[in-house]
Amino acid sequence: MNLKEFNQSDRCEHFSCPERSASPAVYILLYVCSAAVILLTVCGNLLVIISVLHFKQLHTPTNMFVLSLAVSDFLVGIFVMPLMLIWTIESCWIFGKVFCTIYWVISGFLTITSYNIAQIAVDRYFALSNPFLYMNIVSVRITCIVIVFNWFVMVVYILALLYFNGNFTSSVMCPGECFLPLNGVWSVIDLLYSLIIPLSVIIILYTRVFVIAKKHATAIRELNNHTRTKTQKITSHSMKSERKAAKVLSILVSVFLVCLLPYFTCTILYYFIELQLETFQKLSILFFCLNSTINPIIYALFFPWFRRCIKLIITLQVFQIDSALINVLS
């Protein structure tokens, strides 16, 4: 029996669900706030999904990655956050072993969020570093193929992780607790796949994006100081648009990294020091989930097209004939 298995068995022997110490009013308030967060997450991301799917003007490669991110955030809001919030409030897993396994399968949507952010970073870097090549090669169809492949790999990975660690057969399950026991090899694989690889891609590429954006800003100032031809004006406008998109998406990435930091720290402590921080671990996952709530708010604050789409959706104008052709970018 390895060290992690011993810790889990020992913990099962002494684990019991704590009795409620707070007043009923506090628990009601916690559940009301949780319901509000879940509703905001689901509705916000649903608006993003409807906007990108419905309006043809938004059918761009970058927006396909935004759509994929919104879908993963929507699924987190529907399936992961309710279980996670109840688990945190009750300080006890009350759904049994089967739902525990299902919970960890669906929690893979948090992993796909990391790769969606990484794909956005790759997209922005390519668009800024090779704009002409980007326009000639990257299409909506190719982007969709990449996204489908990414989701397929994620599902295969999660199923393989659960299968080879016994969660589909005879894994230990503490009464009142839901954890995912991993052997030594899969602990390293999971750390690399779920955190290190996407995090490295995001940090490296967005560092490059900032450098390129700065060069573009200098080039635009030089163009503004001289008489410009029509071609130069088009180039300047294109560069400004790309820089603006990169700036907004960099905010998206920055918020993601802030939400990821507690989870990343907790994971490192658990895998390499085997330090048991169960309460902090649950709170770090919850903080990671809140990124799914924040993303649509970022769109609403910084993307004018999203605010126009919300207005058209709420006023039911999307049900009018040819509403998909409405100009939402001007």
C-alpha atoms as a PDB file:
ATOM      1  CA  MET A   1       0.000   0.000   0.000  1.00  0.00           C
ATOM      2  CA  ASN A   2       1.526   3.296  -1.032  1.00  0.00           C
ATOM      3  CA  LEU A   3       1.516   6.468   1.062  1.00  0.00           C
ATOM      4  CA  LYS A   4      -1.481   8.065  -0.624  1.00  0.00           C
ATOM      5  CA  GLU A   5      -3.573   4.929  -0.251  1.00  0.00           C
ATOM      6  CA  PHE A   6      -2.631   4.767   3.442  1.00  0.00           C
ATOM      7  CA  ASN A   7      -3.600   8.376   3.967  1.00  0.00           C
ATOM      8  CA  GLN A   8      -6.956   7.782   2.292  1.00  0.00           C
ATOM      9  CA  SER A   9      -7.707   4.628   4.296  1.00  0.00           C
ATOM     10  CA  ASP A  10      -6.671   6.293   7.537  1.00  0.00           C
ATOM     11  CA  ARG A  11      -8.790   9.309   6.690  1.00  0.00           C
ATOM     12  CA  CYS A  12     -11.817   7.116   5.944  1.00  0.00           C
ATOM     13  CA  GLU A  13     -11.554   5.512   9.394  1.00  0.00           C
ATOM     14  CA  HIS A  14     -11.717   8.856  11.162  1.00  0.00           C
ATOM     15  CA  PHE A  15     -13.931  10.826   8.797  1.00  0.00           C
ATOM     16  CA  SER A  16     -17.466  11.812   9.746  1.00  0.00           C
ATOM     17  CA  CYS A  17     -19.722  14.587   8.553  1.00  0.00           C
ATOM     18  CA  PRO A  18     -19.649  17.521  10.986  1.00  0.00           C
ATOM     19  CA  GLU A  19     -22.883  18.675  12.514  1.00  0.00           C
ATOM     20  CA  ARG A  20     -24.244  22.041  11.466  1.00  0.00           C
ATOM     21  CA  SER A  21     -22.957  24.786  13.741  1.00  0.00           C
ATOM     22  CA  ALA A  22     -24.387  27.830  11.955  1.00  0.00           C
ATOM     23  CA  SER A  23     -27.960  29.014  12.278  1.00  0.00           C
ATOM     24  CA  PRO A  24     -30.611  28.049   9.667  1.00  0.00           C
ATOM     25  CA  ALA A  25     -30.712  31.672   8.490  1.00  0.00           C
ATOM     26  CA  VAL A  26     -27.005  31.508   7.568  1.00  0.00           C
ATOM     27  CA  TYR A  27     -27.521  28.300   5.587  1.00  0.00           C
ATOM     28  CA  ILE A  28     -30.493  29.813   3.764  1.00  0.00           C
ATOM     29  CA  LEU A  29     -28.400  32.861   2.883  1.00  0.00           C
ATOM     30  CA  LEU A  30     -25.557  30.644   1.637  1.00  0.00           C
ATOM     31  CA  TYR A  31     -27.898  28.617  -0.561  1.00  0.00           C
ATOM     32  CA  VAL A  32     -29.583  31.759  -1.942  1.00  0.00           C
ATOM     33  CA  CYS A  33     -26.188  33.270  -2.821  1.00  0.00           C
ATOM     34  CA  SER A  34     -25.099  29.971  -4.373  1.00  0.00           C
ATOM     35  CA  ALA A  35     -28.267  29.807  -6.475  1.00  0.00           C
ATOM     36  CA  ALA A  36     -27.650  33.388  -7.644  1.00  0.00           C
ATOM     37  CA  VAL A  37     -24.067  32.571  -8.683  1.00  0.00           C
ATOM     38  CA  ILE A  38     -25.182  29.455 -10.557  1.00  0.00           C
ATOM     39  CA  LEU A  39     -27.985  31.369 -12.309  1.00  0.00           C
ATOM     40  CA  LEU A  40     -25.582  34.138 -13.313  1.00  0.00           C
ATOM     41  CA  THR A  41     -23.090  31.576 -14.641  1.00  0.00           C
ATOM     42  CA  VAL A  42     -25.659  29.619 -16.648  1.00  0.00           C
ATOM     43  CA  CYS A  43     -27.555  32.603 -18.059  1.00  0.00           C
ATOM     44  CA  GLY A  44     -24.433  34.646 -18.815  1.00  0.00           C
ATOM     45  CA  ASN A  45     -22.740  31.878 -20.762  1.00  0.00           C
ATOM     46  CA  LEU A  46     -26.006  30.909 -22.462  1.00  0.00           C
ATOM     47  CA  LEU A  47     -26.231  34.473 -23.799  1.00  0.00           C
ATOM     48  CA  VAL A  48     -22.707  34.157 -25.193  1.00  0.00           C
ATOM     49  CA  ILE A  49     -23.553  30.826 -26.841  1.00  0.00           C
ATOM     50  CA  ILE A  50     -26.754  32.167 -28.432  1.00  0.00           C
ATOM     51  CA  SER A  51     -24.986  35.326 -29.618  1.00  0.00           C
ATOM     52  CA  VAL A  52     -22.113  33.573 -31.380  1.00  0.00           C
ATOM     53  CA  LEU A  53     -24.304  30.836 -32.861  1.00  0.00           C
ATOM     54  CA  HIS A  54     -27.134  33.085 -34.047  1.00  0.00           C
ATOM     55  CA  PHE A  55     -25.455  36.141 -35.545  1.00  0.00           C
ATOM     56  CA  LYS A  56     -23.528  35.258 -38.689  1.00  0.00           C
ATOM     57  CA  GLN A  57     -21.300  38.310 -38.335  1.00  0.00           C
ATOM     58  CA  LEU A  58     -19.817  36.684 -35.227  1.00  0.00           C
ATOM     59  CA  HIS A  59     -18.863  33.473 -37.035  1.00  0.00           C
ATOM     60  CA  THR A  60     -15.115  34.098 -36.877  1.00  0.00           C
ATOM     61  CA  PRO A  61     -12.285  31.747 -35.828  1.00  0.00           C
ATOM     62  CA  THR A  62     -11.613  33.675 -32.612  1.00  0.00           C
ATOM     63  CA  ASN A  63     -15.286  33.676 -31.651  1.00  0.00           C
ATOM     64  CA  MET A  64     -15.420  29.904 -32.147  1.00  0.00           C
ATOM     65  CA  PHE A  65     -12.865  29.599 -29.350  1.00  0.00           C
ATOM     66  CA  VAL A  66     -14.938  32.017 -27.287  1.00  0.00           C
ATOM     67  CA  LEU A  67     -17.975  29.803 -28.003  1.00  0.00           C
ATOM     68  CA  SER A  68     -16.090  26.690 -26.869  1.00  0.00           C
ATOM     69  CA  LEU A  69     -15.083  28.470 -23.673  1.00  0.00           C
ATOM     70  CA  ALA A  70     -18.687  29.569 -23.073  1.00  0.00           C
ATOM     71  CA  VAL A  71     -19.948  25.995 -23.589  1.00  0.00           C
ATOM     72  CA  SER A  72     -17.466  24.604 -21.056  1.00  0.00           C
ATOM     73  CA  ASP A  73     -18.351  27.402 -18.604  1.00  0.00           C
ATOM     74  CA  PHE A  74     -22.063  26.710 -19.143  1.00  0.00           C
ATOM     75  CA  LEU A  75     -21.582  23.007 -18.391  1.00  0.00           C
ATOM     76  CA  VAL A  76     -19.573  23.884 -15.282  1.00  0.00           C
ATOM     77  CA  GLY A  77     -22.461  26.089 -14.129  1.00  0.00           C
ATOM     78  CA  ILE A  78     -25.035  23.356 -14.785  1.00  0.00           C
ATOM     79  CA  PHE A  79     -23.261  20.250 -13.483  1.00  0.00           C
ATOM     80  CA  VAL A  80     -20.190  21.128 -11.402  1.00  0.00           C
ATOM     81  CA  MET A  81     -21.018  24.264  -9.430  1.00  0.00           C
ATOM     82  CA  PRO A  82     -24.254  22.996  -7.789  1.00  0.00           C
ATOM     83  CA  LEU A  83     -22.536  19.867  -6.434  1.00  0.00           C
ATOM     84  CA  MET A  84     -19.415  21.821  -5.491  1.00  0.00           C
ATOM     85  CA  LEU A  85     -21.352  24.523  -3.625  1.00  0.00           C
ATOM     86  CA  ILE A  86     -23.522  22.035  -1.725  1.00  0.00           C
ATOM     87  CA  TRP A  87     -20.408  20.036  -0.815  1.00  0.00           C
ATOM     88  CA  THR A  88     -18.714  23.209   0.455  1.00  0.00           C
ATOM     89  CA  ILE A  89     -21.722  24.465   2.438  1.00  0.00           C
ATOM     90  CA  GLU A  90     -22.522  21.100   4.021  1.00  0.00           C
ATOM     91  CA  SER A  91     -18.827  20.182   4.539  1.00  0.00           C
ATOM     92  CA  CYS A  92     -19.908  16.694   3.530  1.00  0.00           C
ATOM     93  CA  TRP A  93     -20.483  14.775   0.287  1.00  0.00           C
ATOM     94  CA  ILE A  94     -24.135  13.670   0.407  1.00  0.00           C
ATOM     95  CA  PHE A  95     -24.559  12.295  -3.130  1.00  0.00           C
ATOM     96  CA  GLY A  96     -22.915   8.869  -2.843  1.00  0.00           C
ATOM     97  CA  LYS A  97     -20.181   7.060  -4.774  1.00  0.00           C
ATOM     98  CA  VAL A  98     -21.851   6.992  -8.209  1.00  0.00           C
ATOM     99  CA  PHE A  99     -22.408  10.741  -8.279  1.00  0.00           C
ATOM    100  CA  CYS A 100     -18.877  11.222  -6.950  1.00  0.00           C
ATOM    101  CA  THR A 101     -17.509   9.458 -10.027  1.00  0.00           C
ATOM    102  CA  ILE A 102     -19.856  11.419 -12.299  1.00  0.00           C
ATOM    103  CA  TYR A 103     -18.756  14.625 -10.570  1.00  0.00           C
ATOM    104  CA  TRP A 104     -15.091  13.970 -11.351  1.00  0.00           C
ATOM    105  CA  VAL A 105     -15.926  13.097 -14.956  1.00  0.00           C
ATOM    106  CA  ILE A 106     -17.819  16.339 -15.450  1.00  0.00           C
ATOM    107  CA  SER A 107     -15.128  18.289 -13.590  1.00  0.00           C
ATOM    108  CA  GLY A 108     -13.033  17.640 -16.679  1.00  0.00           C
ATOM    109  CA  PHE A 109     -14.800  20.703 -18.104  1.00  0.00           C
ATOM    110  CA  LEU A 110     -12.491  22.721 -15.843  1.00  0.00           C
ATOM    111  CA  THR A 111      -9.582  21.145 -17.730  1.00  0.00           C
ATOM    112  CA  ILE A 112     -11.108  22.011 -21.097  1.00  0.00           C
ATOM    113  CA  THR A 113     -11.418  25.600 -19.858  1.00  0.00           C
ATOM    114  CA  SER A 114      -7.629  25.723 -19.479  1.00  0.00           C
ATOM    115  CA  TYR A 115      -7.158  24.480 -23.030  1.00  0.00           C
ATOM    116  CA  ASN A 116      -9.787  26.863 -24.418  1.00  0.00           C
ATOM    117  CA  ILE A 117      -7.869  29.767 -22.882  1.00  0.00           C
ATOM    118  CA  ALA A 118      -4.632  28.327 -24.290  1.00  0.00           C
ATOM    119  CA  GLN A 119      -6.199  28.049 -27.756  1.00  0.00           C
ATOM    120  CA  ILE A 120      -7.295  31.689 -27.568  1.00  0.00           C
ATOM    121  CA  ALA A 121      -3.686  32.587 -26.730  1.00  0.00           C
ATOM    122  CA  VAL A 122      -2.432  30.608 -29.755  1.00  0.00           C
ATOM    123  CA  ASP A 123      -5.068  32.262 -31.969  1.00  0.00           C
ATOM    124  CA  ARG A 124      -4.148  35.801 -30.867  1.00  0.00           C
ATOM    125  CA  TYR A 125      -0.430  35.158 -31.163  1.00  0.00           C
ATOM    126  CA  PHE A 126      -0.819  33.785 -34.694  1.00  0.00           C
ATOM    127  CA  ALA A 127      -3.149  36.638 -35.714  1.00  0.00           C
ATOM    128  CA  LEU A 128      -0.713  39.302 -34.480  1.00  0.00           C
ATOM    129  CA  SER A 129       2.568  37.700 -35.537  1.00  0.00           C
ATOM    130  CA  ASN A 130       1.439  36.545 -39.034  1.00  0.00           C
ATOM    131  CA  PRO A 131      -1.775  38.449 -39.880  1.00  0.00           C
ATOM    132  CA  PHE A 132      -1.744  37.753 -43.633  1.00  0.00           C
ATOM    133  CA  LEU A 133      -0.946  34.058 -43.184  1.00  0.00           C
ATOM    134  CA  TYR A 134      -3.595  33.879 -40.454  1.00  0.00           C
ATOM    135  CA  MET A 135      -6.288  35.282 -42.767  1.00  0.00           C
ATOM    136  CA  ASN A 136      -5.353  32.860 -45.556  1.00  0.00           C
ATOM    137  CA  ILE A 137      -5.070  29.671 -43.478  1.00  0.00           C
ATOM    138  CA  VAL A 138      -7.285  29.959 -40.404  1.00  0.00           C
ATOM    139  CA  SER A 139     -11.008  29.521 -41.087  1.00  0.00           C
ATOM    140  CA  VAL A 140     -14.089  28.785 -39.022  1.00  0.00           C
ATOM    141  CA  ARG A 141     -14.124  25.210 -40.308  1.00  0.00           C
ATOM    142  CA  ILE A 142     -10.515  24.541 -39.283  1.00  0.00           C
ATOM    143  CA  THR A 143     -11.113  26.163 -35.900  1.00  0.00           C
ATOM    144  CA  CYS A 144     -14.153  23.955 -35.284  1.00  0.00           C
ATOM    145  CA  ILE A 145     -12.146  20.840 -36.150  1.00  0.00           C
ATOM    146  CA  VAL A 146      -9.470  21.856 -33.638  1.00  0.00           C
ATOM    147  CA  ILE A 147     -12.111  22.485 -30.955  1.00  0.00           C
ATOM    148  CA  VAL A 148     -13.862  19.130 -31.535  1.00  0.00           C
ATOM    149  CA  PHE A 149     -10.512  17.332 -31.379  1.00  0.00           C
ATOM    150  CA  ASN A 150      -9.682  19.148 -28.148  1.00  0.00           C
ATOM    151  CA  TRP A 151     -12.968  18.086 -26.534  1.00  0.00           C
ATOM    152  CA  PHE A 152     -12.499  14.499 -27.728  1.00  0.00           C
ATOM    153  CA  VAL A 153      -8.998  14.301 -26.225  1.00  0.00           C
ATOM    154  CA  MET A 154     -10.299  15.733 -22.949  1.00  0.00           C
ATOM    155  CA  VAL A 155     -13.085  13.143 -22.677  1.00  0.00           C
ATOM    156  CA  VAL A 156     -10.692  10.267 -23.487  1.00  0.00           C
ATOM    157  CA  TYR A 157      -8.193  11.571 -20.936  1.00  0.00           C
ATOM    158  CA  ILE A 158     -10.758  11.860 -18.115  1.00  0.00           C
ATOM    159  CA  LEU A 159     -12.147   8.373 -18.799  1.00  0.00           C
ATOM    160  CA  ALA A 160      -8.631   6.901 -18.929  1.00  0.00           C
ATOM    161  CA  LEU A 161      -7.676   8.654 -15.696  1.00  0.00           C
ATOM    162  CA  LEU A 162     -10.711   7.254 -13.882  1.00  0.00           C
ATOM    163  CA  TYR A 163     -10.359   3.773 -15.394  1.00  0.00           C
ATOM    164  CA  PHE A 164      -6.679   3.284 -14.558  1.00  0.00           C
ATOM    165  CA  ASN A 165      -7.163   4.618 -11.027  1.00  0.00           C
ATOM    166  CA  GLY A 166     -10.039   2.276 -10.177  1.00  0.00           C
ATOM    167  CA  ASN A 167     -12.928   4.727 -10.038  1.00  0.00           C
ATOM    168  CA  PHE A 168     -15.020   2.548 -12.372  1.00  0.00           C
ATOM    169  CA  THR A 169     -14.333  -0.610 -10.386  1.00  0.00           C
ATOM    170  CA  SER A 170     -13.465  -0.781  -6.700  1.00  0.00           C
ATOM    171  CA  SER A 171     -11.983   2.538  -5.621  1.00  0.00           C
ATOM    172  CA  VAL A 172     -12.116   3.446  -1.946  1.00  0.00           C
ATOM    173  CA  MET A 173     -14.874   5.896  -1.142  1.00  0.00           C
ATOM    174  CA  CYS A 174     -15.031   7.516   2.274  1.00  0.00           C
ATOM    175  CA  PRO A 175     -18.594   7.971   3.541  1.00  0.00           C
ATOM    176  CA  GLY A 176     -19.364  11.661   3.321  1.00  0.00           C
ATOM    177  CA  GLU A 177     -16.329  12.485   1.218  1.00  0.00           C
ATOM    178  CA  CYS A 178     -15.551  12.578  -2.500  1.00  0.00           C
ATOM    179  CA  PHE A 179     -11.922  12.458  -3.581  1.00  0.00           C
ATOM    180  CA  LEU A 180     -10.084  11.196  -6.629  1.00  0.00           C
ATOM    181  CA  PRO A 181      -7.260   8.817  -5.620  1.00  0.00           C
ATOM    182  CA  LEU A 182      -4.402   8.822  -8.146  1.00  0.00           C
ATOM    183  CA  ASN A 183      -1.319   6.642  -8.250  1.00  0.00           C
ATOM    184  CA  GLY A 184       2.115   8.215  -8.548  1.00  0.00           C
ATOM    185  CA  VAL A 185       2.382   8.063 -12.344  1.00  0.00           C
ATOM    186  CA  TRP A 186      -1.081   9.480 -12.975  1.00  0.00           C
ATOM    187  CA  SER A 187      -0.503  12.221 -10.416  1.00  0.00           C
ATOM    188  CA  VAL A 188       2.380  13.519 -12.529  1.00  0.00           C
ATOM    189  CA  ILE A 189       0.448  13.031 -15.806  1.00  0.00           C
ATOM    190  CA  ASP A 190      -2.578  14.869 -14.417  1.00  0.00           C
ATOM    191  CA  LEU A 191      -0.442  17.749 -13.148  1.00  0.00           C
ATOM    192  CA  LEU A 192       1.246  18.109 -16.540  1.00  0.00           C
ATOM    193  CA  TYR A 193      -1.911  17.735 -18.646  1.00  0.00           C
ATOM    194  CA  SER A 194      -4.318  19.761 -16.490  1.00  0.00           C
ATOM    195  CA  LEU A 195      -2.064  22.581 -15.325  1.00  0.00           C
ATOM    196  CA  ILE A 196       1.564  22.786 -16.424  1.00  0.00           C
ATOM    197  CA  ILE A 197       1.106  22.441 -20.205  1.00  0.00           C
ATOM    198  CA  PRO A 198      -1.841  24.845 -20.721  1.00  0.00           C
ATOM    199  CA  LEU A 199      -0.477  27.299 -18.150  1.00  0.00           C
ATOM    200  CA  SER A 200       2.933  27.373 -19.859  1.00  0.00           C
ATOM    201  CA  VAL A 201       1.349  27.943 -23.275  1.00  0.00           C
ATOM    202  CA  ILE A 202      -0.811  30.772 -21.927  1.00  0.00           C
ATOM    203  CA  ILE A 203       2.021  32.607 -20.148  1.00  0.00           C
ATOM    204  CA  ILE A 204       4.606  32.219 -22.941  1.00  0.00           C
ATOM    205  CA  LEU A 205       2.302  33.180 -25.805  1.00  0.00           C
ATOM    206  CA  TYR A 206       0.668  36.125 -24.072  1.00  0.00           C
ATOM    207  CA  THR A 207       4.093  37.445 -23.157  1.00  0.00           C
ATOM    208  CA  ARG A 208       4.835  37.337 -26.885  1.00  0.00           C
ATOM    209  CA  VAL A 209       1.467  38.946 -27.648  1.00  0.00           C
ATOM    210  CA  PHE A 210       2.276  41.897 -25.390  1.00  0.00           C
ATOM    211  CA  VAL A 211       5.655  42.366 -27.111  1.00  0.00           C
ATOM    212  CA  ILE A 212       4.079  42.270 -30.579  1.00  0.00           C
ATOM    213  CA  ALA A 213       1.242  44.609 -29.522  1.00  0.00           C
ATOM    214  CA  LYS A 214       3.816  47.116 -28.294  1.00  0.00           C
ATOM    215  CA  LYS A 215       5.600  46.983 -31.654  1.00  0.00           C
ATOM    216  CA  HIS A 216       2.278  47.518 -33.417  1.00  0.00           C
ATOM    217  CA  ALA A 217       1.535  50.544 -31.249  1.00  0.00           C
ATOM    218  CA  THR A 218       4.893  52.059 -32.258  1.00  0.00           C
ATOM    219  CA  ALA A 219       4.195  51.333 -35.935  1.00  0.00           C
ATOM    220  CA  ILE A 220       0.744  52.936 -35.714  1.00  0.00           C
ATOM    221  CA  ARG A 221       2.205  56.105 -34.189  1.00  0.00           C
ATOM    222  CA  GLU A 222       4.735  56.294 -37.017  1.00  0.00           C
ATOM    223  CA  LEU A 223       1.953  55.915 -39.596  1.00  0.00           C
ATOM    224  CA  ASN A 224      -0.018  58.682 -37.907  1.00  0.00           C
ATOM    225  CA  ASN A 225       2.962  61.040 -38.189  1.00  0.00           C
ATOM    226  CA  HIS A 226       3.141  60.734 -41.970  1.00  0.00           C
ATOM    227  CA  THR A 227       0.773  61.094 -44.897  1.00  0.00           C
ATOM    228  CA  ARG A 228      -0.901  57.750 -45.307  1.00  0.00           C
ATOM    229  CA  THR A 229      -2.132  56.016 -48.395  1.00  0.00           C
ATOM    230  CA  LYS A 230      -5.399  54.085 -48.419  1.00  0.00           C
ATOM    231  CA  THR A 231      -3.498  50.808 -47.942  1.00  0.00           C
ATOM    232  CA  GLN A 232      -1.670  52.221 -44.927  1.00  0.00           C
ATOM    233  CA  LYS A 233      -4.958  53.350 -43.386  1.00  0.00           C
ATOM    234  CA  ILE A 234      -6.428  49.870 -43.785  1.00  0.00           C
ATOM    235  CA  THR A 235      -3.294  48.330 -42.265  1.00  0.00           C
ATOM    236  CA  SER A 236      -3.393  50.776 -39.356  1.00  0.00           C
ATOM    237  CA  HIS A 237      -7.090  50.025 -38.680  1.00  0.00           C
ATOM    238  CA  SER A 238      -6.449  46.283 -38.847  1.00  0.00           C
ATOM    239  CA  MET A 239      -3.545  46.559 -36.411  1.00  0.00           C
ATOM    240  CA  LYS A 240      -5.653  48.608 -34.001  1.00  0.00           C
ATOM    241  CA  SER A 241      -8.453  46.020 -34.136  1.00  0.00           C
ATOM    242  CA  GLU A 242      -6.063  43.160 -33.460  1.00  0.00           C
ATOM    243  CA  ARG A 243      -4.449  45.036 -30.573  1.00  0.00           C
ATOM    244  CA  LYS A 244      -7.847  45.802 -29.053  1.00  0.00           C
ATOM    245  CA  ALA A 245      -8.903  42.163 -29.311  1.00  0.00           C
ATOM    246  CA  ALA A 246      -5.617  41.062 -27.778  1.00  0.00           C
ATOM    247  CA  LYS A 247      -6.055  43.564 -24.925  1.00  0.00           C
ATOM    248  CA  VAL A 248      -9.568  42.362 -24.061  1.00  0.00           C
ATOM    249  CA  LEU A 249      -8.603  38.713 -24.280  1.00  0.00           C
ATOM    250  CA  SER A 250      -5.530  39.387 -22.143  1.00  0.00           C
ATOM    251  CA  ILE A 251      -7.920  40.572 -19.414  1.00  0.00           C
ATOM    252  CA  LEU A 252      -9.795  37.296 -19.832  1.00  0.00           C
ATOM    253  CA  VAL A 253      -6.544  35.378 -19.449  1.00  0.00           C
ATOM    254  CA  SER A 254      -5.407  37.442 -16.441  1.00  0.00           C
ATOM    255  CA  VAL A 255      -8.653  36.742 -14.586  1.00  0.00           C
ATOM    256  CA  PHE A 256      -8.301  33.061 -15.440  1.00  0.00           C
ATOM    257  CA  LEU A 257      -4.777  32.961 -14.006  1.00  0.00           C
ATOM    258  CA  VAL A 258      -5.916  34.676 -10.794  1.00  0.00           C
ATOM    259  CA  CYS A 259      -8.748  32.150 -10.389  1.00  0.00           C
ATOM    260  CA  LEU A 260      -6.373  29.284 -11.194  1.00  0.00           C
ATOM    261  CA  LEU A 261      -3.632  30.323  -8.756  1.00  0.00           C
ATOM    262  CA  PRO A 262      -5.206  28.889  -5.535  1.00  0.00           C
ATOM    263  CA  TYR A 263      -6.020  25.607  -7.284  1.00  0.00           C
ATOM    264  CA  PHE A 264      -2.542  25.408  -8.785  1.00  0.00           C
ATOM    265  CA  THR A 265      -0.919  26.090  -5.382  1.00  0.00           C
ATOM    266  CA  CYS A 266      -3.089  23.499  -3.644  1.00  0.00           C
ATOM    267  CA  THR A 267      -2.352  20.898  -6.327  1.00  0.00           C
ATOM    268  CA  ILE A 268       1.400  21.445  -6.057  1.00  0.00           C
ATOM    269  CA  LEU A 269       1.279  21.098  -2.261  1.00  0.00           C
ATOM    270  CA  TYR A 270      -0.782  17.901  -2.523  1.00  0.00           C
ATOM    271  CA  TYR A 271       1.205  16.165  -5.253  1.00  0.00           C
ATOM    272  CA  PHE A 272       4.729  16.948  -4.099  1.00  0.00           C
ATOM    273  CA  ILE A 273       4.448  17.486  -0.342  1.00  0.00           C
ATOM    274  CA  GLU A 274       1.351  15.310   0.208  1.00  0.00           C
ATOM    275  CA  LEU A 275       0.003  18.035   2.450  1.00  0.00           C
ATOM    276  CA  GLN A 276      -3.694  17.482   3.177  1.00  0.00           C
ATOM    277  CA  LEU A 277      -5.554  20.774   2.762  1.00  0.00           C
ATOM    278  CA  GLU A 278      -9.076  19.474   2.180  1.00  0.00           C
ATOM    279  CA  THR A 279     -10.962  22.676   3.009  1.00  0.00           C
ATOM    280  CA  PHE A 280      -8.560  24.836   1.037  1.00  0.00           C
ATOM    281  CA  GLN A 281      -8.713  22.336  -1.836  1.00  0.00           C
ATOM    282  CA  LYS A 282     -12.492  22.593  -2.084  1.00  0.00           C
ATOM    283  CA  LEU A 283     -12.357  26.387  -1.857  1.00  0.00           C
ATOM    284  CA  SER A 284      -9.659  26.534  -4.542  1.00  0.00           C
ATOM    285  CA  ILE A 285     -11.810  24.421  -6.910  1.00  0.00           C
ATOM    286  CA  LEU A 286     -14.762  26.668  -6.114  1.00  0.00           C
ATOM    287  CA  PHE A 287     -12.653  29.748  -6.909  1.00  0.00           C
ATOM    288  CA  PHE A 288     -11.626  28.086 -10.178  1.00  0.00           C
ATOM    289  CA  CYS A 289     -15.318  27.509 -10.964  1.00  0.00           C
ATOM    290  CA  LEU A 290     -16.077  31.184 -10.364  1.00  0.00           C
ATOM    291  CA  ASN A 291     -13.989  31.966 -13.439  1.00  0.00           C
ATOM    292  CA  SER A 292     -16.926  30.555 -15.416  1.00  0.00           C
ATOM    293  CA  THR A 293     -19.138  33.189 -13.784  1.00  0.00           C
ATOM    294  CA  ILE A 294     -16.744  36.069 -14.422  1.00  0.00           C
ATOM    295  CA  ASN A 295     -16.078  35.410 -18.132  1.00  0.00           C
ATOM    296  CA  PRO A 296     -19.501  36.603 -19.444  1.00  0.00           C
ATOM    297  CA  ILE A 297     -19.173  39.716 -17.245  1.00  0.00           C
ATOM    298  CA  ILE A 298     -15.864  40.475 -18.971  1.00  0.00           C
ATOM    299  CA  TYR A 299     -17.556  40.107 -22.366  1.00  0.00           C
ATOM    300  CA  ALA A 300     -20.344  42.468 -21.288  1.00  0.00           C
ATOM    301  CA  LEU A 301     -17.877  45.078 -20.024  1.00  0.00           C
ATOM    302  CA  PHE A 302     -15.412  45.050 -22.904  1.00  0.00           C
ATOM    303  CA  PHE A 303     -17.188  43.648 -25.980  1.00  0.00           C
ATOM    304  CA  PRO A 304     -19.744  46.132 -27.416  1.00  0.00           C
ATOM    305  CA  TRP A 305     -21.073  43.432 -29.750  1.00  0.00           C
ATOM    306  CA  PHE A 306     -22.014  41.279 -26.772  1.00  0.00           C
ATOM    307  CA  ARG A 307     -24.029  44.117 -25.198  1.00  0.00           C
ATOM    308  CA  ARG A 308     -25.875  44.631 -28.498  1.00  0.00           C
ATOM    309  CA  CYS A 309     -26.567  40.900 -28.722  1.00  0.00           C
ATOM    310  CA  ILE A 310     -27.939  40.809 -25.176  1.00  0.00           C
ATOM    311  CA  LYS A 311     -30.332  43.627 -26.053  1.00  0.00           C
ATOM    312  CA  LEU A 312     -31.509  41.835 -29.201  1.00  0.00           C
ATOM    313  CA  ILE A 313     -31.963  38.542 -27.324  1.00  0.00           C
ATOM    314  CA  ILE A 314     -33.806  40.028 -24.341  1.00  0.00           C
ATOM    315  CA  THR A 315     -36.140  42.037 -26.596  1.00  0.00           C
ATOM    316  CA  LEU A 316     -36.797  38.828 -28.619  1.00  0.00           C
ATOM    317  CA  GLN A 317     -35.649  40.446 -31.867  1.00  0.00           C
ATOM    318  CA  VAL A 318     -33.654  37.294 -32.597  1.00  0.00           C
ATOM    319  CA  PHE A 319     -36.945  35.615 -33.548  1.00  0.00           C
ATOM    320  CA  GLN A 320     -37.523  38.047 -36.408  1.00  0.00           C
ATOM    321  CA  ILE A 321     -36.867  37.030 -39.998  1.00  0.00           C
ATOM    322  CA  ASP A 322     -33.229  37.522 -41.065  1.00  0.00           C
ATOM    323  CA  SER A 323     -32.262  38.577 -37.545  1.00  0.00           C
ATOM    324  CA  ALA A 324     -29.082  36.541 -37.956  1.00  0.00           C
ATOM    325  CA  LEU A 325     -27.917  39.112 -40.520  1.00  0.00           C
ATOM    326  CA  ILE A 326     -28.216  42.087 -38.125  1.00  0.00           C
ATOM    327  CA  ASN A 327     -25.010  44.087 -37.887  1.00  0.00           C
ATOM    328  CA  VAL A 328     -23.875  43.774 -34.266  1.00  0.00           C
ATOM    329  CA  LEU A 329     -20.305  44.973 -34.755  1.00  0.00           C
ATOM    330  CA  SER A 330     -20.922  48.570 -35.812  1.00  0.00           C
END
